[in-house]
Amino acid sequence: MILTQELVAADGETPAIKIFGEVQTLTKTSNIVATISVSNIGVSGSETYRQFLVSGTKGLVGSESGNTCFITKVYDLDDTTNVFANDESAQNVAFESIGNNFIDFTESNPFGDPQ
């Protein structure tokens, strides 16, 4: 299923600005709350937008069902406070932090002779 969020409606010859993505998982946590994982995110009509936006007025619309929902929180891969928060053995944040200082690419040749 494809979800679309229209940020700016089309106006004359100006195209609409839309963000779209493919639903990977949908987990209902209550009758009115769910978590949706989206991949293959794209944008049409703009070069500045890169992700879905939290909005109480610009909802997500399902391509097949036409159902609408609103975004209350957006998590991305750089959000280190919530990445795999329920998995105590996840080490992705630690690996990312250690990896930042593993190779110094400011050196002219990080793999060669240290002289």
Protein backbone atom coordinates (compact mmCIF):
# COMPACT_ATOMS: atom_id res chain seq x y z
CA MET A 1 0.00 0.00 0.00
CA ILE A 2 1.22 3.51 -0.81
CA LEU A 3 0.61 6.42 1.59
CA THR A 4 0.56 10.02 0.38
CA GLN A 5 0.75 13.29 2.32
CA GLU A 6 -0.15 16.36 0.26
CA LEU A 7 1.64 19.36 1.75
CA VAL A 8 0.62 22.00 -0.80
CA ALA A 9 -2.31 21.67 -3.18
CA ALA A 10 -1.84 22.30 -6.89
CA ASP A 11 -2.48 25.91 -7.91
CA GLY A 12 -2.86 26.65 -11.61
CA GLU A 13 0.33 25.46 -13.29
CA THR A 14 2.11 24.97 -9.95
CA PRO A 15 2.15 21.23 -9.12
CA ALA A 16 1.09 19.86 -5.77
CA ILE A 17 3.83 19.00 -3.29
CA LYS A 18 3.35 15.40 -2.19
CA ILE A 19 5.36 13.00 -0.05
CA PHE A 20 4.68 9.31 -0.64
CA GLY A 21 5.98 5.98 0.65
CA GLU A 22 5.33 2.26 0.75
CA VAL A 23 3.91 0.75 3.96
CA GLN A 24 6.19 -1.96 5.36
CA THR A 25 4.45 -2.66 8.67
CA LEU A 26 1.29 -1.49 10.40
CA THR A 27 0.93 -2.18 14.13
CA LYS A 28 -2.31 -1.14 15.83
CA THR A 29 -1.70 -0.28 19.46
CA SER A 30 -5.32 0.74 20.18
CA ASN A 31 -8.53 1.54 18.33
CA ILE A 32 -7.22 5.00 17.46
CA VAL A 33 -3.39 4.66 17.52
CA ALA A 34 -1.03 2.74 15.24
CA THR A 35 2.62 2.66 14.28
CA ILE A 36 3.35 2.62 10.55
CA SER A 37 6.79 1.84 9.11
CA VAL A 38 7.27 3.36 5.65
CA SER A 39 10.06 2.82 3.12
CA ASN A 40 10.85 4.01 -0.40
CA ILE A 41 9.90 7.56 0.53
CA GLY A 42 9.76 10.01 -2.34
CA VAL A 43 8.67 13.58 -3.04
CA SER A 44 6.99 15.11 -6.05
CA GLY A 45 6.69 18.83 -6.81
CA SER A 46 9.53 19.98 -4.51
CA GLU A 47 13.28 19.75 -4.07
CA THR A 48 13.31 20.87 -0.41
CA TYR A 49 11.07 18.35 1.40
CA ARG A 50 12.57 14.96 2.29
CA GLN A 51 10.21 13.24 4.76
CA PHE A 52 6.67 13.11 6.07
CA LEU A 53 5.70 15.98 8.38
CA VAL A 54 3.81 15.98 11.67
CA SER A 55 0.51 17.69 10.96
CA GLY A 56 -3.02 17.70 12.31
CA THR A 57 -4.35 19.03 9.00
CA LYS A 58 -2.18 17.37 6.32
CA GLY A 59 -3.04 13.71 6.79
CA LEU A 60 -1.81 10.53 5.18
CA VAL A 61 -4.12 9.01 2.60
CA GLY A 62 -4.02 5.32 1.65
CA SER A 63 -3.87 4.77 -2.10
CA GLU A 64 -6.12 1.71 -2.11
CA SER A 65 -8.44 2.31 0.83
CA GLY A 66 -8.67 6.11 0.78
CA ASN A 67 -8.43 6.04 4.59
CA THR A 68 -6.90 9.09 6.24
CA CYS A 69 -4.78 9.35 9.38
CA PHE A 70 -2.65 12.07 10.95
CA ILE A 71 1.03 11.93 11.92
CA THR A 72 1.83 12.72 15.56
CA LYS A 73 5.52 11.65 15.61
CA VAL A 74 8.14 10.89 12.96
CA TYR A 75 11.10 8.66 13.79
CA ASP A 76 14.02 8.39 11.43
CA LEU A 77 17.21 6.33 11.48
CA ASP A 78 19.14 9.21 13.05
CA ASP A 79 16.82 9.38 16.07
CA THR A 80 19.14 7.60 18.51
CA THR A 81 16.82 8.00 21.49
CA ASN A 82 14.16 5.70 20.03
CA VAL A 83 15.94 3.35 17.63
CA PHE A 84 15.19 -0.20 18.76
CA ALA A 85 14.10 1.14 22.14
CA ASN A 86 12.45 -2.18 23.10
CA ASP A 87 15.46 -4.34 22.21
CA GLU A 88 17.97 -4.41 25.07
CA SER A 89 20.56 -6.23 22.95
CA ALA A 90 20.47 -3.73 20.07
CA GLN A 91 23.86 -2.15 19.56
CA ASN A 92 23.17 0.07 16.55
CA VAL A 93 23.70 3.35 18.45
CA ALA A 94 26.99 2.10 19.97
CA PHE A 95 28.29 0.92 16.59
CA GLU A 96 27.37 4.23 14.97
CA SER A 97 29.19 6.19 17.69
CA ILE A 98 32.30 4.00 17.57
CA GLY A 99 32.28 4.03 13.76
CA ASN A 100 32.50 7.82 13.67
CA ASN A 101 36.12 7.66 14.91
CA PHE A 102 37.26 4.37 13.39
CA ILE A 103 38.97 5.73 10.26
CA ASP A 104 40.25 9.27 9.96
CA PHE A 105 39.58 10.33 6.37
CA THR A 106 41.17 13.73 7.02
CA GLU A 107 44.52 11.94 6.58
CA SER A 108 45.94 12.07 3.07
CA ASN A 109 46.24 8.27 3.01
CA PRO A 110 44.53 6.54 5.99
CA PHE A 111 45.52 3.06 4.73
CA GLY A 112 49.16 3.74 3.83
CA ASP A 113 52.44 4.41 5.56
CA PRO A 114 51.93 6.45 8.78
CA GLN A 115 54.79 8.82 7.86
